[in-house]
């Protein structure tokens, strides 16, 4: 019987969490990109339409729109994949504790905490995405321009630290 190397389960857990974090970042980027793309989409429709009161301007196709059915299904599939990947790390995290290694004990509690935080972030992103699909385009535009969703200090704490250093 051939056994895998002792660190294979630990590497699997670490790589799974790293991949899930990367995918969560991509989901966040996709949501913010849809906001920006929606404005570009409206601008393109305005340039194509001569008459601003035409019904096609207000009721454009949901498939071509940034928050249309196609983008919703793709985001939903991506979020299900991330959730399944995170749920599969539960078993691997327990198994990693039994791997023998010279590097010390496996920090199982920290990896379970990381998994819970990733699941909470995934749920928050899903709720944000769903809320955005239910909002009218005018309200989405106001939400982007009048809140801190795309504010750089909200996204990256380092930019806040560097800006506060520059002010002093």
N, C-alpha and C. Protein backbone atom coordinates (compact mmCIF):
# COMPACT_ATOMS: atom_id res chain seq x y z
N UNK A 1 0.84 -1.18 0.00
CA UNK A 1 0.00 0.00 0.00
C UNK A 1 0.89 1.25 0.00
N UNK A 2 0.65 2.14 -0.93
CA UNK A 2 1.44 3.36 -1.06
C UNK A 2 0.67 4.48 -0.39
N UNK A 3 1.34 5.16 0.54
CA UNK A 3 0.72 6.28 1.25
C UNK A 3 1.19 7.59 0.64
N UNK A 4 0.30 8.58 0.61
CA UNK A 4 0.73 9.90 0.11
C UNK A 4 1.68 10.55 1.11
N UNK A 5 2.45 11.54 0.68
CA UNK A 5 3.34 12.24 1.60
C UNK A 5 2.54 12.84 2.77
N UNK A 6 3.20 13.01 3.90
CA UNK A 6 2.53 13.47 5.11
C UNK A 6 1.96 14.87 4.97
N UNK A 7 2.55 15.69 4.15
CA UNK A 7 2.08 17.06 4.04
C UNK A 7 1.05 17.26 2.92
N UNK A 8 0.60 16.22 2.26
CA UNK A 8 -0.30 16.40 1.13
C UNK A 8 -1.67 16.92 1.55
N UNK A 9 -2.21 16.46 2.66
CA UNK A 9 -3.52 16.94 3.09
C UNK A 9 -3.42 18.39 3.55
N UNK A 10 -2.34 18.72 4.22
CA UNK A 10 -2.16 20.10 4.66
C UNK A 10 -2.01 21.05 3.46
N UNK A 11 -1.25 20.61 2.48
CA UNK A 11 -1.11 21.43 1.27
C UNK A 11 -2.45 21.58 0.56
N UNK A 12 -3.22 20.50 0.54
CA UNK A 12 -4.54 20.56 -0.08
C UNK A 12 -5.42 21.60 0.60
N UNK A 13 -5.42 21.62 1.91
CA UNK A 13 -6.24 22.58 2.66
C UNK A 13 -5.75 24.00 2.39
N UNK A 14 -4.44 24.21 2.44
CA UNK A 14 -3.90 25.55 2.21
C UNK A 14 -4.19 26.03 0.79
N UNK A 15 -3.99 25.18 -0.17
CA UNK A 15 -4.25 25.56 -1.56
C UNK A 15 -5.74 25.78 -1.82
N UNK A 16 -6.57 24.98 -1.19
CA UNK A 16 -8.02 25.17 -1.35
C UNK A 16 -8.45 26.52 -0.80
N UNK A 17 -7.95 26.87 0.37
CA UNK A 17 -8.30 28.17 0.95
C UNK A 17 -7.75 29.31 0.09
N UNK A 18 -6.55 29.16 -0.41
CA UNK A 18 -5.97 30.20 -1.25
C UNK A 18 -6.79 30.37 -2.53
N UNK A 19 -7.20 29.27 -3.13
CA UNK A 19 -8.01 29.33 -4.35
C UNK A 19 -9.37 29.95 -4.07
N UNK A 20 -9.97 29.61 -2.93
CA UNK A 20 -11.27 30.18 -2.58
C UNK A 20 -11.16 31.68 -2.32
N UNK A 21 -10.09 32.10 -1.68
CA UNK A 21 -9.89 33.54 -1.46
C UNK A 21 -9.71 34.27 -2.79
N UNK A 22 -8.98 33.66 -3.69
CA UNK A 22 -8.81 34.26 -5.01
C UNK A 22 -10.16 34.38 -5.72
N UNK A 23 -10.96 33.33 -5.67
CA UNK A 23 -12.27 33.35 -6.32
C UNK A 23 -13.22 34.36 -5.67
N UNK A 24 -13.16 34.50 -4.36
CA UNK A 24 -13.98 35.50 -3.68
C UNK A 24 -13.59 36.91 -4.12
N UNK A 25 -12.30 37.13 -4.29
CA UNK A 25 -11.84 38.41 -4.82
C UNK A 25 -12.34 38.65 -6.22
N UNK A 26 -12.37 37.60 -7.01
CA UNK A 26 -12.88 37.73 -8.38
C UNK A 26 -14.38 38.02 -8.39
N UNK A 27 -15.12 37.43 -7.47
CA UNK A 27 -16.56 37.70 -7.38
C UNK A 27 -16.79 39.17 -7.01
N UNK A 28 -16.03 39.66 -6.03
CA UNK A 28 -16.14 41.08 -5.66
C UNK A 28 -15.80 41.97 -6.85
N UNK A 29 -14.73 41.64 -7.54
CA UNK A 29 -14.33 42.43 -8.71
C UNK A 29 -15.40 42.37 -9.80
N UNK A 30 -16.03 41.22 -9.97
CA UNK A 30 -17.07 41.09 -10.99
C UNK A 30 -18.27 41.96 -10.65
N UNK A 31 -18.64 42.01 -9.37
CA UNK A 31 -19.78 42.84 -8.98
C UNK A 31 -19.48 44.31 -9.22
N UNK A 32 -18.31 44.77 -8.83
CA UNK A 32 -17.97 46.17 -9.05
C UNK A 32 -17.79 46.48 -10.53
N UNK A 33 -17.30 45.52 -11.28
CA UNK A 33 -17.15 45.71 -12.73
C UNK A 33 -18.51 45.83 -13.40
N UNK A 34 -19.49 45.08 -12.91
CA UNK A 34 -20.83 45.17 -13.48
C UNK A 34 -21.41 46.57 -13.30
N UNK A 35 -21.14 47.19 -12.16
CA UNK A 35 -21.61 48.56 -11.96
C UNK A 35 -21.01 49.50 -12.99
N UNK A 36 -19.71 49.38 -13.20
CA UNK A 36 -19.04 50.25 -14.16
C UNK A 36 -19.52 49.92 -15.57
N UNK A 37 -19.64 48.64 -15.87
CA UNK A 37 -20.07 48.22 -17.21
C UNK A 37 -21.51 48.65 -17.49
N UNK A 38 -22.33 48.70 -16.46
CA UNK A 38 -23.72 49.14 -16.66
C UNK A 38 -23.77 50.57 -17.16
N UNK A 39 -22.93 51.43 -16.62
CA UNK A 39 -22.89 52.82 -17.07
C UNK A 39 -22.41 52.88 -18.52
N UNK A 40 -21.40 52.11 -18.86
CA UNK A 40 -20.91 52.08 -20.24
C UNK A 40 -21.98 51.55 -21.19
N UNK A 41 -22.72 50.54 -20.73
CA UNK A 41 -23.78 49.94 -21.54
C UNK A 41 -24.87 50.98 -21.82
N UNK A 42 -25.25 51.75 -20.80
CA UNK A 42 -26.25 52.79 -20.99
C UNK A 42 -25.75 53.88 -21.94
N UNK A 43 -24.49 54.23 -21.83
CA UNK A 43 -23.91 55.24 -22.72
C UNK A 43 -23.93 54.76 -24.17
N UNK A 44 -23.60 53.47 -24.38
CA UNK A 44 -23.63 52.92 -25.74
C UNK A 44 -25.05 52.92 -26.30
N UNK A 45 -26.02 52.58 -25.46
CA UNK A 45 -27.41 52.58 -25.92
C UNK A 45 -27.87 53.98 -26.26
N UNK A 46 -27.45 54.97 -25.47
CA UNK A 46 -27.84 56.36 -25.75
C UNK A 46 -27.26 56.84 -27.07
N UNK A 47 -26.03 56.45 -27.38
CA UNK A 47 -25.44 56.90 -28.64
C UNK A 47 -26.08 56.22 -29.83
N UNK A 48 -26.59 55.01 -29.63
CA UNK A 48 -27.24 54.30 -30.74
C UNK A 48 -28.66 54.80 -30.97
N UNK A 49 -29.31 55.27 -29.95
CA UNK A 49 -30.70 55.72 -30.06
C UNK A 49 -30.74 57.22 -30.31
N UNK A 50 -31.46 57.63 -31.32
CA UNK A 50 -31.61 59.05 -31.61
C UNK A 50 -32.72 59.63 -30.74
N UNK A 51 -33.78 58.88 -30.60
CA UNK A 51 -34.90 59.34 -29.81
C UNK A 51 -34.75 58.84 -28.38
N UNK A 52 -34.65 59.75 -27.40
CA UNK A 52 -34.43 59.35 -26.01
C UNK A 52 -35.68 58.76 -25.36
N UNK A 53 -36.85 58.93 -25.95
CA UNK A 53 -38.07 58.40 -25.38
C UNK A 53 -38.46 57.06 -25.99
N UNK A 54 -37.58 56.47 -26.76
CA UNK A 54 -37.85 55.18 -27.38
C UNK A 54 -37.94 54.10 -26.30
N UNK A 55 -38.82 53.16 -26.46
CA UNK A 55 -39.04 52.13 -25.43
C UNK A 55 -37.85 51.18 -25.32
N UNK A 56 -37.03 51.05 -26.35
CA UNK A 56 -35.89 50.14 -26.27
C UNK A 56 -34.81 50.67 -25.35
N UNK A 57 -34.80 51.97 -25.12
CA UNK A 57 -33.81 52.53 -24.21
C UNK A 57 -34.11 52.12 -22.77
N UNK A 58 -35.38 52.13 -22.42
CA UNK A 58 -35.76 51.79 -21.06
C UNK A 58 -35.80 50.28 -20.84
N UNK A 59 -36.27 49.52 -21.82
CA UNK A 59 -36.43 48.08 -21.67
C UNK A 59 -35.46 47.33 -22.57
N UNK A 60 -34.18 47.54 -22.35
CA UNK A 60 -33.21 46.83 -23.17
C UNK A 60 -33.15 45.38 -22.76
N UNK A 61 -32.62 44.58 -23.62
CA UNK A 61 -32.59 43.13 -23.42
C UNK A 61 -31.85 42.75 -22.16
N UNK A 62 -32.44 41.80 -21.40
CA UNK A 62 -31.82 41.39 -20.14
C UNK A 62 -30.58 40.53 -20.39
N UNK A 63 -30.46 39.94 -21.57
CA UNK A 63 -29.28 39.13 -21.86
C UNK A 63 -28.06 39.98 -22.11
N UNK A 64 -28.23 41.16 -22.73
CA UNK A 64 -27.10 42.01 -23.04
C UNK A 64 -26.75 42.94 -21.89
N UNK A 65 -27.67 43.14 -20.97
CA UNK A 65 -27.44 44.05 -19.85
C UNK A 65 -26.44 43.45 -18.87
N UNK A 66 -25.63 44.29 -18.24
CA UNK A 66 -24.65 43.79 -17.28
C UNK A 66 -25.28 43.01 -16.12
N UNK A 67 -26.46 43.41 -15.65
CA UNK A 67 -27.13 42.69 -14.57
C UNK A 67 -28.22 41.78 -15.13
N UNK A 68 -28.03 41.28 -16.35
CA UNK A 68 -29.00 40.43 -17.00
C UNK A 68 -28.96 38.98 -16.52
N UNK A 69 -29.80 38.17 -17.11
CA UNK A 69 -29.94 36.77 -16.70
C UNK A 69 -28.65 35.98 -16.92
N UNK A 70 -27.94 36.25 -17.99
CA UNK A 70 -26.72 35.49 -18.28
C UNK A 70 -25.65 35.74 -17.22
N UNK A 71 -25.47 37.00 -16.85
CA UNK A 71 -24.45 37.31 -15.82
C UNK A 71 -24.89 36.80 -14.46
N UNK A 72 -26.18 36.79 -14.18
CA UNK A 72 -26.68 36.26 -12.91
C UNK A 72 -26.43 34.77 -12.80
N UNK A 73 -26.69 34.04 -13.88
CA UNK A 73 -26.47 32.59 -13.86
C UNK A 73 -24.99 32.25 -13.72
N UNK A 74 -24.13 33.02 -14.38
CA UNK A 74 -22.69 32.78 -14.27
C UNK A 74 -22.20 33.06 -12.85
N UNK A 75 -22.68 34.13 -12.24
CA UNK A 75 -22.29 34.45 -10.87
C UNK A 75 -22.81 33.40 -9.90
N UNK A 76 -24.02 32.94 -10.12
CA UNK A 76 -24.60 31.92 -9.25
C UNK A 76 -23.80 30.62 -9.34
N UNK A 77 -23.41 30.23 -10.52
CA UNK A 77 -22.61 29.01 -10.69
C UNK A 77 -21.25 29.15 -10.02
N UNK A 78 -20.63 30.32 -10.14
CA UNK A 78 -19.33 30.55 -9.51
C UNK A 78 -19.44 30.49 -7.99
N UNK A 79 -20.51 31.06 -7.44
CA UNK A 79 -20.69 31.06 -5.99
C UNK A 79 -20.99 29.65 -5.46
N UNK A 80 -21.75 28.88 -6.21
CA UNK A 80 -21.99 27.48 -5.81
C UNK A 80 -20.69 26.69 -5.81
N UNK A 81 -19.85 26.93 -6.80
CA UNK A 81 -18.56 26.22 -6.87
C UNK A 81 -17.68 26.58 -5.68
N UNK A 82 -17.65 27.86 -5.32
CA UNK A 82 -16.84 28.28 -4.16
C UNK A 82 -17.38 27.66 -2.89
N UNK A 83 -18.70 27.66 -2.74
CA UNK A 83 -19.30 27.07 -1.53
C UNK A 83 -18.99 25.58 -1.44
N UNK A 84 -19.11 24.87 -2.55
CA UNK A 84 -18.79 23.44 -2.54
C UNK A 84 -17.33 23.20 -2.20
N UNK A 85 -16.45 24.02 -2.73
CA UNK A 85 -15.02 23.89 -2.43
C UNK A 85 -14.75 24.13 -0.95
N UNK A 86 -15.38 25.15 -0.39
CA UNK A 86 -15.19 25.43 1.04
C UNK A 86 -15.76 24.31 1.91
N UNK A 87 -16.91 23.79 1.53
CA UNK A 87 -17.49 22.69 2.31
C UNK A 87 -16.63 21.44 2.24
N UNK A 88 -15.95 21.24 1.12
CA UNK A 88 -15.09 20.06 1.01
C UNK A 88 -13.82 20.19 1.86
N UNK A 89 -13.45 21.41 2.24
CA UNK A 89 -12.26 21.58 3.06
C UNK A 89 -12.50 21.18 4.52
N UNK A 90 -13.77 21.04 4.92
CA UNK A 90 -14.06 20.63 6.30
C UNK A 90 -13.43 19.26 6.59
N UNK A 91 -13.66 18.32 5.71
CA UNK A 91 -13.15 16.95 5.90
C UNK A 91 -11.63 16.94 5.80
N UNK A 92 -11.10 17.66 4.82
CA UNK A 92 -9.65 17.69 4.64
C UNK A 92 -8.97 18.34 5.84
N UNK A 93 -9.61 19.33 6.44
CA UNK A 93 -9.03 20.00 7.61
C UNK A 93 -8.95 19.03 8.80
N UNK A 94 -9.96 18.21 8.97
CA UNK A 94 -9.93 17.23 10.05
C UNK A 94 -8.85 16.18 9.78
N UNK A 95 -8.75 15.75 8.52
CA UNK A 95 -7.74 14.74 8.17
C UNK A 95 -6.33 15.28 8.30
N UNK A 96 -6.15 16.57 8.04
CA UNK A 96 -4.81 17.16 8.12
C UNK A 96 -4.26 17.13 9.54
N UNK A 97 -5.13 17.11 10.52
CA UNK A 97 -4.67 17.06 11.90
C UNK A 97 -3.98 15.73 12.22
N UNK A 98 -4.29 14.68 11.46
CA UNK A 98 -3.72 13.36 11.72
C UNK A 98 -2.43 13.11 10.94
N UNK A 99 -2.07 14.03 10.04
CA UNK A 99 -0.81 13.88 9.30
C UNK A 99 0.36 14.07 10.25
N UNK A 100 1.32 13.20 10.14
CA UNK A 100 2.52 13.32 10.95
C UNK A 100 3.53 14.22 10.25
N UNK A 101 4.10 15.13 11.00
CA UNK A 101 5.07 16.04 10.43
C UNK A 101 5.98 16.57 11.54
N UNK A 102 7.12 17.08 11.12
CA UNK A 102 8.06 17.67 12.07
C UNK A 102 7.77 19.14 12.34
N UNK A 103 6.84 19.70 11.62
CA UNK A 103 6.58 21.14 11.72
C UNK A 103 5.64 21.51 12.86
N UNK A 104 5.14 20.57 13.59
CA UNK A 104 4.29 20.89 14.74
C UNK A 104 2.83 20.55 14.49
N UNK A 105 2.02 20.95 15.44
CA UNK A 105 0.59 20.66 15.37
C UNK A 105 -0.08 21.44 14.26
N UNK A 106 -1.15 20.88 13.77
CA UNK A 106 -1.95 21.52 12.72
C UNK A 106 -2.90 22.52 13.38
N UNK A 107 -2.89 23.78 12.97
CA UNK A 107 -3.78 24.78 13.58
C UNK A 107 -5.22 24.64 13.05
N UNK A 108 -5.85 23.59 13.46
CA UNK A 108 -7.18 23.24 12.93
C UNK A 108 -8.21 24.33 13.22
N UNK A 109 -8.19 24.90 14.40
CA UNK A 109 -9.17 25.93 14.76
C UNK A 109 -9.05 27.17 13.86
N UNK A 110 -7.83 27.55 13.53
CA UNK A 110 -7.64 28.72 12.67
C UNK A 110 -8.17 28.47 11.25
N UNK A 111 -7.98 27.27 10.75
CA UNK A 111 -8.48 26.96 9.41
C UNK A 111 -9.99 26.85 9.38
N UNK A 112 -10.60 26.37 10.47
CA UNK A 112 -12.06 26.38 10.54
C UNK A 112 -12.59 27.81 10.63
N UNK A 113 -11.88 28.65 11.36
CA UNK A 113 -12.27 30.06 11.45
C UNK A 113 -12.15 30.73 10.08
N UNK A 114 -11.07 30.45 9.38
CA UNK A 114 -10.89 30.99 8.03
C UNK A 114 -12.02 30.54 7.12
N UNK A 115 -12.42 29.27 7.23
CA UNK A 115 -13.50 28.77 6.40
C UNK A 115 -14.82 29.49 6.73
N UNK A 116 -15.10 29.69 8.02
CA UNK A 116 -16.32 30.40 8.41
C UNK A 116 -16.32 31.83 7.89
N UNK A 117 -15.17 32.49 7.96
CA UNK A 117 -15.08 33.86 7.45
C UNK A 117 -15.28 33.91 5.94
N UNK A 118 -14.73 32.95 5.24
CA UNK A 118 -14.91 32.90 3.78
C UNK A 118 -16.37 32.64 3.43
N UNK A 119 -17.02 31.75 4.17
CA UNK A 119 -18.45 31.49 3.92
C UNK A 119 -19.29 32.73 4.22
N UNK A 120 -18.94 33.48 5.27
CA UNK A 120 -19.66 34.71 5.58
C UNK A 120 -19.45 35.75 4.49
N UNK A 121 -18.23 35.85 3.99
CA UNK A 121 -17.95 36.79 2.90
C UNK A 121 -18.70 36.39 1.63
N UNK A 122 -18.74 35.11 1.36
CA UNK A 122 -19.48 34.62 0.19
C UNK A 122 -20.97 34.95 0.32
N UNK A 123 -21.52 34.77 1.50
CA UNK A 123 -22.93 35.08 1.72
C UNK A 123 -23.18 36.58 1.56
N UNK A 124 -22.29 37.41 2.07
CA UNK A 124 -22.45 38.86 1.93
C UNK A 124 -22.38 39.29 0.47
N UNK A 125 -21.45 38.70 -0.28
CA UNK A 125 -21.34 39.03 -1.71
C UNK A 125 -22.58 38.57 -2.47
N UNK A 126 -23.11 37.41 -2.10
CA UNK A 126 -24.32 36.92 -2.76
C UNK A 126 -25.50 37.84 -2.47
N UNK A 127 -25.62 38.30 -1.24
CA UNK A 127 -26.71 39.20 -0.89
C UNK A 127 -26.56 40.54 -1.59
N UNK A 128 -25.33 41.04 -1.69
CA UNK A 128 -25.10 42.29 -2.41
C UNK A 128 -25.47 42.14 -3.87
N UNK A 129 -25.01 41.05 -4.49
CA UNK A 129 -25.33 40.83 -5.89
C UNK A 129 -26.82 40.70 -6.13
N UNK A 130 -27.52 39.98 -5.26
CA UNK A 130 -28.96 39.81 -5.41
C UNK A 130 -29.68 41.14 -5.21
N UNK A 131 -29.24 41.91 -4.24
CA UNK A 131 -29.86 43.22 -4.01
C UNK A 131 -29.67 44.13 -5.22
N UNK A 132 -28.49 44.05 -5.82
CA UNK A 132 -28.23 44.90 -7.00
C UNK A 132 -29.08 44.50 -8.19
N UNK A 133 -29.34 43.20 -8.33
CA UNK A 133 -30.18 42.78 -9.47
C UNK A 133 -31.62 43.21 -9.29
N UNK A 134 -32.04 43.40 -8.05
CA UNK A 134 -33.43 43.78 -7.79
C UNK A 134 -33.63 45.30 -7.82
N UNK A 135 -32.55 46.06 -7.78
CA UNK A 135 -32.66 47.52 -7.81
C UNK A 135 -32.84 48.01 -9.24
N UNK A 136 -33.52 49.11 -9.37
CA UNK A 136 -33.63 49.77 -10.67
C UNK A 136 -32.27 50.37 -11.03
N UNK A 137 -31.96 50.49 -12.32
CA UNK A 137 -30.65 51.04 -12.73
C UNK A 137 -30.36 52.43 -12.16
N UNK A 138 -31.39 53.27 -12.02
CA UNK A 138 -31.17 54.61 -11.47
C UNK A 138 -30.71 54.52 -10.01
N UNK A 139 -31.30 53.59 -9.26
CA UNK A 139 -30.93 53.43 -7.85
C UNK A 139 -29.54 52.82 -7.73
N UNK A 140 -29.20 51.91 -8.63
CA UNK A 140 -27.83 51.35 -8.60
C UNK A 140 -26.81 52.43 -8.86
N UNK A 141 -27.10 53.32 -9.79
CA UNK A 141 -26.18 54.40 -10.10
C UNK A 141 -26.00 55.30 -8.88
N UNK A 142 -27.09 55.64 -8.20
CA UNK A 142 -26.98 56.47 -7.00
C UNK A 142 -26.23 55.75 -5.89
N UNK A 143 -26.45 54.45 -5.76
CA UNK A 143 -25.76 53.67 -4.74
C UNK A 143 -24.26 53.69 -4.96
N UNK A 144 -23.84 53.61 -6.20
CA UNK A 144 -22.40 53.64 -6.50
C UNK A 144 -21.82 55.01 -6.22
N UNK A 145 -22.51 56.04 -6.66
CA UNK A 145 -21.93 57.38 -6.56
C UNK A 145 -22.07 58.01 -5.17
N UNK A 146 -23.01 57.55 -4.37
CA UNK A 146 -23.25 58.21 -3.09
C UNK A 146 -22.87 57.36 -1.88
N UNK A 147 -22.28 56.19 -2.10
CA UNK A 147 -21.83 55.36 -0.99
C UNK A 147 -20.35 55.05 -1.17
N UNK A 148 -19.79 54.30 -0.23
CA UNK A 148 -18.36 54.03 -0.24
C UNK A 148 -18.02 52.66 -0.84
N UNK A 149 -18.90 52.08 -1.67
CA UNK A 149 -18.62 50.76 -2.22
C UNK A 149 -17.35 50.74 -3.07
N UNK A 150 -17.15 51.75 -3.87
CA UNK A 150 -15.98 51.79 -4.74
C UNK A 150 -14.90 52.72 -4.20
N UNK A 151 -15.02 53.12 -2.94
CA UNK A 151 -14.03 53.97 -2.31
C UNK A 151 -12.79 53.13 -2.00
N UNK A 152 -11.65 53.60 -2.41
CA UNK A 152 -10.43 52.81 -2.27
C UNK A 152 -10.08 52.47 -0.82
N UNK A 153 -10.23 53.34 0.18
CA UNK A 153 -9.94 52.92 1.56
C UNK A 153 -10.85 51.79 2.05
N UNK A 154 -12.08 51.71 1.51
CA UNK A 154 -12.95 50.61 1.89
C UNK A 154 -12.43 49.29 1.36
N UNK A 155 -11.90 49.33 0.16
CA UNK A 155 -11.41 48.11 -0.49
C UNK A 155 -10.06 47.69 0.07
N UNK A 156 -9.17 48.63 0.30
CA UNK A 156 -7.81 48.32 0.72
C UNK A 156 -7.42 49.16 1.92
N UNK A 157 -7.20 48.54 3.08
CA UNK A 157 -6.81 49.32 4.25
C UNK A 157 -5.43 49.96 4.10
N UNK A 158 -4.57 49.38 3.24
CA UNK A 158 -3.24 49.96 3.04
C UNK A 158 -3.32 51.35 2.44
N UNK A 159 -4.29 51.53 1.53
CA UNK A 159 -4.41 52.85 0.91
C UNK A 159 -4.84 53.89 1.94
N UNK A 160 -5.63 53.46 2.95
CA UNK A 160 -6.02 54.38 4.02
C UNK A 160 -4.80 54.76 4.86
N UNK A 161 -3.96 53.79 5.16
CA UNK A 161 -2.76 54.07 5.96
C UNK A 161 -1.81 54.99 5.20
N UNK A 162 -1.65 54.73 3.90
CA UNK A 162 -0.73 55.58 3.13
C UNK A 162 -1.28 56.97 2.96
N UNK A 163 -2.63 57.12 2.85
CA UNK A 163 -3.18 58.45 2.71
C UNK A 163 -3.10 59.22 4.02
N UNK A 164 -3.25 58.52 5.16
CA UNK A 164 -3.13 59.22 6.43
C UNK A 164 -1.69 59.62 6.71
N UNK A 165 -0.74 58.84 6.21
CA UNK A 165 0.67 59.22 6.37
C UNK A 165 0.99 60.44 5.52
N UNK A 166 0.37 60.54 4.36
CA UNK A 166 0.64 61.66 3.48
C UNK A 166 0.05 62.96 4.04
N UNK A 167 -1.04 62.85 4.80
CA UNK A 167 -1.69 64.03 5.35
C UNK A 167 -0.84 64.62 6.48
N UNK A 168 -0.20 63.80 7.28
CA UNK A 168 0.58 64.27 8.42
C UNK A 168 1.74 65.03 8.00
